[in-house]
Amino acid sequence: MATIAYLGPPGTFSEEALLSEADLADHELVDLPTFPDVLAAVAEGRTDLGFVAVENAIEGTVNVTVDALVFEHELLIQREVVLPIHQHLLAPAGLALDQIEHVVSFPVALAQCRRFFGERLTGVREVAAPSTSDAARMVAAGECPPRSAAIGTRLAAKLYDLEVLTDSIEDHPENATRFVLVARTEAGLPAPTGHDRTSIVLFQRHNAPGSLHAILGEFAARGLDLTKLESRPRKQALGQYCFLIDVVGHIADEVVADCLRQVHASLAEVKLLGCYPATGEGSDARRAEATQAFRDAAAWVDAWRQQIRA
């Protein structure tokens, strides 16, 4: 049975997302204090797999995760999981909404529920906790002031025997977090499914006018869809950046392979972060069309090359 490290303690959104994948829930789960700790555990062989957040619809990129994947470790993404983020008001049995005097949670979770506080919990005191699951545990254990409630997950309510007084109290119900499952490089790349995503990091060899345009032009010329383009400091000097790109497709697709080959050969160093099944609706028909067009063009060139006289 494989071991999977994730951000703990039990009851976090990370664990909720992990348990949403039936085949992952059967493995031995190891909760760790931070996302860098999770990635280090995988890189050092203390766990087989790691499960980390990389992006949130409201907060954006999870920089500590992405920077560790780019600069510190050689790991490969095996799959992605997108979890809708809903915050719930949790309380011990018998505590009514109008009796609450303190609300305990992770500061980001508290900040995501301002509208609910203004409309339903005016005058309550906010208490910071290391995580939403810690908040639930603290309230259940009586470690908080009397008449305290927590903001957290349904999983935390179940684990710590709390009641969900009010569900989905977040200001932005469309919020979601993207997680990825990572493994050491010897695990290899998942086979293409027809609906995949490839994540890469580009390190420009020369910072010259139009260099990024030239790189992006290679993707555009092949009809490849970029679902993410972001710059990150290279941590060497001011003004030096690398570029994180997610492209629809798999390196097994000839059109994707040809693009990465050209970029790597003439424009930038490329670090592959993974080729893995994508969630949600994809443009697999468009990619299949582009791949077929590439194959037809390659066959046309090969046919003419065979006519060259010795």
Protein backbone atom coordinates (compact mmCIF):
# COMPACT_ATOMS: atom_id res chain seq x y z
CA MET A 1 0.00 0.00 0.00
CA ALA A 2 1.43 3.36 -1.03
CA THR A 3 1.81 6.21 1.43
CA ILE A 4 0.52 9.69 0.57
CA ALA A 5 1.61 12.82 2.43
CA TYR A 6 -0.84 15.74 2.64
CA LEU A 7 -1.32 18.99 4.56
CA GLY A 8 -2.74 18.19 7.98
CA PRO A 9 -3.99 17.91 10.58
CA PRO A 10 -6.92 15.66 9.63
CA GLY A 11 -9.95 17.58 8.43
CA THR A 12 -8.26 20.05 6.05
CA PHE A 13 -9.45 20.86 2.55
CA SER A 14 -6.39 18.95 1.35
CA GLU A 15 -7.64 15.78 2.99
CA GLU A 16 -11.18 16.42 1.76
CA ALA A 17 -9.88 16.73 -1.82
CA LEU A 18 -7.69 13.65 -1.46
CA LEU A 19 -10.57 11.55 -0.12
CA SER A 20 -12.71 12.63 -3.08
CA GLU A 21 -10.51 10.33 -5.22
CA ALA A 22 -11.68 6.81 -4.33
CA ASP A 23 -8.45 5.07 -5.33
CA LEU A 24 -6.32 7.48 -3.25
CA ALA A 25 -8.49 7.15 -0.15
CA ASP A 26 -7.48 3.48 0.10
CA HIS A 27 -3.79 4.35 0.68
CA GLU A 28 -2.02 5.12 3.94
CA LEU A 29 -2.33 8.87 4.56
CA VAL A 30 0.37 10.86 6.37
CA ASP A 31 -0.49 14.37 7.53
CA LEU A 32 2.33 16.94 7.66
CA PRO A 33 2.43 20.58 8.81
CA THR A 34 3.22 22.42 5.53
CA PHE A 35 3.17 21.94 1.78
CA PRO A 36 7.01 22.13 1.57
CA ASP A 37 7.13 19.35 4.19
CA VAL A 38 4.87 17.22 1.98
CA LEU A 39 7.08 17.69 -1.08
CA ALA A 40 10.26 17.05 0.89
CA ALA A 41 8.82 13.80 2.27
CA VAL A 42 8.24 12.54 -1.27
CA ALA A 43 11.63 13.73 -2.60
CA GLU A 44 13.46 12.08 0.30
CA GLY A 45 11.57 8.80 -0.07
CA ARG A 46 9.74 8.99 3.27
CA THR A 47 6.41 8.71 1.44
CA ASP A 48 5.55 7.39 -2.00
CA LEU A 49 3.32 10.27 -3.06
CA GLY A 50 2.44 13.81 -2.05
CA PHE A 51 -0.78 15.79 -2.39
CA VAL A 52 -0.46 19.58 -2.48
CA ALA A 53 -2.44 22.68 -3.45
CA VAL A 54 -1.03 24.68 -6.37
CA GLU A 55 -3.73 27.21 -7.19
CA ASN A 56 -6.83 28.85 -5.72
CA ALA A 57 -9.50 30.72 -7.65
CA ILE A 58 -9.38 33.69 -5.24
CA GLU A 59 -5.87 33.72 -3.80
CA GLY A 60 -4.09 32.62 -7.02
CA THR A 61 -0.95 30.51 -7.13
CA VAL A 62 0.20 28.76 -3.94
CA ASN A 63 3.73 30.11 -4.21
CA VAL A 64 5.38 27.92 -1.56
CA THR A 65 4.24 24.81 -3.43
CA VAL A 66 5.11 26.00 -6.92
CA ASP A 67 8.53 27.36 -5.96
CA ALA A 68 9.45 24.08 -4.26
CA LEU A 69 8.43 22.12 -7.37
CA VAL A 70 10.36 24.46 -9.67
CA PHE A 71 13.55 25.10 -7.70
CA GLU A 72 13.98 22.46 -4.99
CA HIS A 73 12.77 19.05 -6.12
CA GLU A 74 12.62 16.75 -9.14
CA LEU A 75 9.07 15.47 -8.90
CA LEU A 76 6.40 14.71 -11.49
CA ILE A 77 2.70 15.51 -11.31
CA GLN A 78 0.57 12.38 -11.67
CA ARG A 79 -2.92 13.88 -11.63
CA GLU A 80 -4.86 16.99 -10.67
CA VAL A 81 -7.92 17.35 -8.45
CA VAL A 82 -10.14 20.44 -8.29
CA LEU A 83 -12.17 20.89 -5.10
CA PRO A 84 -14.93 23.50 -4.69
CA ILE A 85 -14.13 25.39 -1.48
CA HIS A 86 -17.09 25.83 0.85
CA GLN A 87 -16.68 27.17 4.38
CA HIS A 88 -19.09 25.94 7.07
CA LEU A 89 -19.88 27.24 10.55
CA LEU A 90 -19.24 24.40 13.01
CA ALA A 91 -20.26 24.32 16.67
CA PRO A 92 -20.67 21.93 19.62
CA ALA A 93 -24.09 20.40 19.99
CA GLY A 94 -26.54 22.76 21.68
CA LEU A 95 -24.84 26.03 20.74
CA ALA A 96 -27.25 28.18 18.70
CA LEU A 97 -26.23 30.78 16.14
CA ASP A 98 -27.39 33.72 18.28
CA GLN A 99 -25.33 32.42 21.24
CA ILE A 100 -21.95 32.48 19.46
CA GLU A 101 -19.45 34.98 20.87
CA HIS A 102 -16.20 33.79 19.25
CA VAL A 103 -15.42 32.31 15.83
CA VAL A 104 -12.15 30.39 15.45
CA SER A 105 -10.44 29.59 12.17
CA PHE A 106 -7.50 30.06 9.83
CA PRO A 107 -7.21 33.81 9.01
CA VAL A 108 -7.76 33.25 5.27
CA ALA A 109 -10.97 31.34 6.00
CA LEU A 110 -12.19 34.11 8.29
CA ALA A 111 -11.45 36.67 5.58
CA GLN A 112 -13.48 34.67 3.06
CA CYS A 113 -16.65 34.95 5.16
CA ARG A 114 -16.91 38.73 5.73
CA ARG A 115 -20.42 39.03 4.32
CA PHE A 116 -21.76 36.33 6.65
CA PHE A 117 -20.17 38.02 9.66
CA GLY A 118 -21.67 41.36 8.69
CA GLU A 119 -25.16 39.95 8.20
CA ARG A 120 -25.45 37.14 10.76
CA LEU A 121 -22.63 37.37 13.33
CA THR A 122 -22.11 41.06 14.05
CA GLY A 123 -20.02 41.73 17.12
CA VAL A 124 -18.42 38.29 17.47
CA ARG A 125 -14.69 38.07 18.17
CA GLU A 126 -12.44 36.35 15.66
CA VAL A 127 -9.75 33.97 16.93
CA ALA A 128 -6.91 32.86 14.64
CA ALA A 129 -5.99 29.16 14.40
CA PRO A 130 -3.16 27.41 12.48
CA SER A 131 -5.71 25.79 10.11
CA THR A 132 -9.44 25.24 9.72
CA SER A 133 -9.08 21.69 11.03
CA ASP A 134 -7.12 22.93 14.06
CA ALA A 135 -9.95 25.36 14.71
CA ALA A 136 -12.51 22.55 14.72
CA ARG A 137 -10.33 20.42 16.99
CA MET A 138 -9.77 23.33 19.42
CA VAL A 139 -13.48 24.12 19.65
CA ALA A 140 -14.38 20.46 20.17
CA ALA A 141 -11.69 20.04 22.85
CA GLY A 142 -12.82 23.11 24.79
CA GLU A 143 -9.53 24.91 24.16
CA CYS A 144 -11.30 28.12 23.11
CA PRO A 145 -13.36 30.68 25.04
CA PRO A 146 -16.93 29.68 25.93
CA ARG A 147 -19.54 29.93 23.18
CA SER A 148 -17.00 29.44 20.40
CA ALA A 149 -17.68 28.12 16.92
CA ALA A 150 -15.27 27.24 14.13
CA ILE A 151 -15.15 27.74 10.38
CA GLY A 152 -14.04 24.60 8.55
CA THR A 153 -14.91 21.62 6.40
CA ARG A 154 -17.69 19.08 6.67
CA LEU A 155 -14.96 16.50 7.13
CA ALA A 156 -13.68 18.37 10.19
CA ALA A 157 -17.21 18.48 11.62
CA LYS A 158 -17.45 14.72 11.25
CA LEU A 159 -13.98 14.03 12.67
CA TYR A 160 -14.42 16.26 15.73
CA ASP A 161 -18.12 15.61 16.40
CA LEU A 162 -19.34 19.13 15.68
CA GLU A 163 -22.61 20.27 14.13
CA VAL A 164 -22.82 22.26 10.90
CA LEU A 165 -24.85 25.25 12.03
CA THR A 166 -24.77 27.02 8.67
CA ASP A 167 -23.24 25.67 5.48
CA SER A 168 -21.53 27.49 2.61
CA ILE A 169 -20.99 30.81 4.39
CA GLU A 170 -18.16 31.93 2.08
CA ASP A 171 -18.42 35.23 0.17
CA HIS A 172 -17.48 33.60 -3.15
CA PRO A 173 -19.30 30.27 -3.67
CA GLU A 174 -17.47 29.75 -6.98
CA ASN A 175 -14.12 29.46 -5.16
CA ALA A 176 -12.12 26.30 -5.89
CA THR A 177 -8.63 24.97 -5.23
CA ARG A 178 -6.53 22.91 -7.62
CA PHE A 179 -4.44 20.14 -6.06
CA VAL A 180 -1.85 17.88 -7.65
CA LEU A 181 -0.55 14.43 -6.77
CA VAL A 182 3.24 14.19 -7.17
CA ALA A 183 5.75 11.33 -7.25
CA ARG A 184 9.49 10.93 -7.76
CA THR A 185 10.69 10.91 -11.35
CA GLU A 186 11.15 7.13 -11.44
CA ALA A 187 7.36 6.84 -11.36
CA GLY A 188 7.37 8.14 -14.94
CA LEU A 189 4.52 9.86 -16.76
CA PRO A 190 0.90 8.67 -16.77
CA ALA A 191 -0.28 7.34 -20.12
CA PRO A 192 -2.24 9.80 -22.26
CA THR A 193 -6.01 9.72 -21.80
CA GLY A 194 -7.06 12.07 -24.60
CA HIS A 195 -7.85 14.76 -22.03
CA ASP A 196 -4.52 15.75 -20.48
CA ARG A 197 -2.48 18.68 -19.31
CA THR A 198 1.28 19.27 -19.52
CA SER A 199 2.98 21.56 -17.00
CA ILE A 200 6.40 23.03 -17.79
CA VAL A 201 8.80 25.72 -16.59
CA LEU A 202 10.70 27.80 -19.15
CA PHE A 203 14.04 29.42 -18.38
CA GLN A 204 14.92 31.87 -21.16
CA ARG A 205 18.48 31.62 -22.39
CA HIS A 206 18.57 35.26 -23.47
CA ASN A 207 16.36 38.08 -22.25
CA ALA A 208 15.92 39.99 -25.50
CA PRO A 209 13.02 41.98 -26.95
CA GLY A 210 10.43 39.58 -28.35
CA SER A 211 11.93 36.43 -26.77
CA LEU A 212 8.76 35.54 -24.84
CA HIS A 213 6.68 36.33 -27.91
CA ALA A 214 8.81 33.89 -29.92
CA ILE A 215 8.24 31.15 -27.33
CA LEU A 216 4.48 31.70 -27.19
CA GLY A 217 4.40 31.79 -30.96
CA GLU A 218 5.55 28.17 -31.09
CA PHE A 219 2.44 27.13 -29.13
CA ALA A 220 0.13 29.41 -31.12
CA ALA A 221 1.46 28.14 -34.45
CA ARG A 222 0.43 24.61 -33.50
CA GLY A 223 -2.99 25.54 -32.14
CA LEU A 224 -2.05 24.53 -28.60
CA ASP A 225 -4.20 25.94 -25.79
CA LEU A 226 -2.35 27.46 -22.83
CA THR A 227 -4.45 27.29 -19.67
CA LYS A 228 -1.85 29.03 -17.51
CA LEU A 229 1.01 31.45 -18.09
CA GLU A 230 2.72 32.96 -15.06
CA SER A 231 6.12 34.42 -14.28
CA ARG A 232 8.06 33.63 -11.10
CA PRO A 233 11.33 35.20 -9.89
CA ARG A 234 14.34 32.96 -10.50
CA LYS A 235 15.69 33.90 -7.05
CA GLN A 236 19.06 34.90 -8.52
CA ALA A 237 18.80 38.61 -9.27
CA LEU A 238 16.22 41.34 -9.74
CA GLY A 239 14.53 41.21 -13.10
CA GLN A 240 15.25 37.52 -13.74
CA TYR A 241 12.13 35.40 -14.19
CA CYS A 242 11.06 31.97 -15.33
CA PHE A 243 7.67 31.15 -16.84
CA LEU A 244 5.19 28.52 -15.70
CA ILE A 245 3.01 27.19 -18.49
CA ASP A 246 0.16 24.69 -18.54
CA VAL A 247 -0.71 23.47 -22.03
CA VAL A 248 -3.62 21.26 -23.02
CA GLY A 249 -2.23 17.97 -24.26
CA HIS A 250 0.35 15.29 -23.48
CA ILE A 251 3.95 14.92 -24.58
CA ALA A 252 2.78 11.71 -26.27
CA ASP A 253 0.80 13.94 -28.65
CA GLU A 254 3.10 14.59 -31.59
CA VAL A 255 2.08 18.22 -31.89
CA VAL A 256 2.94 18.87 -28.21
CA ALA A 257 6.22 16.96 -28.49
CA ASP A 258 7.20 18.93 -31.60
CA CYS A 259 6.50 22.22 -29.86
CA LEU A 260 8.51 21.35 -26.75
CA ARG A 261 11.34 20.03 -28.92
CA GLN A 262 11.56 23.30 -30.82
CA VAL A 263 11.35 25.48 -27.70
CA HIS A 264 13.95 23.41 -25.87
CA ALA A 265 16.31 23.38 -28.85
CA SER A 266 16.34 27.06 -29.71
CA LEU A 267 14.58 29.29 -27.21
CA ALA A 268 14.64 28.16 -23.57
CA GLU A 269 15.61 25.49 -21.09
CA VAL A 270 12.52 23.45 -20.26
CA LYS A 271 11.74 21.69 -17.00
CA LEU A 272 8.90 19.21 -17.26
CA LEU A 273 6.66 19.19 -14.19
CA GLY A 274 4.33 16.54 -15.53
CA CYS A 275 1.86 15.25 -18.13
CA TYR A 276 -1.32 14.08 -16.43
CA PRO A 277 -5.10 13.65 -16.79
CA ALA A 278 -6.89 17.00 -16.70
CA THR A 279 -10.12 17.74 -14.87
CA GLY A 280 -13.14 19.52 -16.32
CA GLU A 281 -14.13 20.07 -19.93
CA GLY A 282 -11.19 20.02 -22.32
CA SER A 283 -10.34 20.80 -25.90
CA ASP A 284 -9.38 17.23 -26.76
CA ALA A 285 -11.17 17.40 -30.14
CA ARG A 286 -9.22 20.50 -31.11
CA ARG A 287 -5.96 18.89 -29.97
CA ALA A 288 -6.73 15.70 -31.88
CA GLU A 289 -7.32 17.77 -35.00
CA ALA A 290 -4.01 19.59 -34.53
CA THR A 291 -2.20 16.29 -33.93
CA GLN A 292 -3.68 14.78 -37.08
CA ALA A 293 -2.70 17.86 -39.06
CA PHE A 294 0.85 17.50 -37.77
CA ARG A 295 0.96 13.83 -38.75
CA ASP A 296 -0.35 14.64 -42.22
CA ALA A 297 2.29 17.34 -42.64
CA ALA A 298 5.03 15.01 -41.40
CA ALA A 299 3.93 12.31 -43.84
CA TRP A 300 3.95 14.86 -46.67
CA VAL A 301 7.53 15.93 -45.82
CA ASP A 302 8.69 12.31 -45.47
CA ALA A 303 7.19 11.44 -48.86
CA TRP A 304 9.19 14.17 -50.55
CA ARG A 305 12.37 13.34 -48.66
CA GLN A 306 12.15 9.81 -50.02
CA GLN A 307 12.35 11.31 -53.54
CA ILE A 308 15.80 12.81 -52.94
CA ARG A 309 18.30 11.20 -55.32
CA ALA A 310 21.36 9.67 -53.79
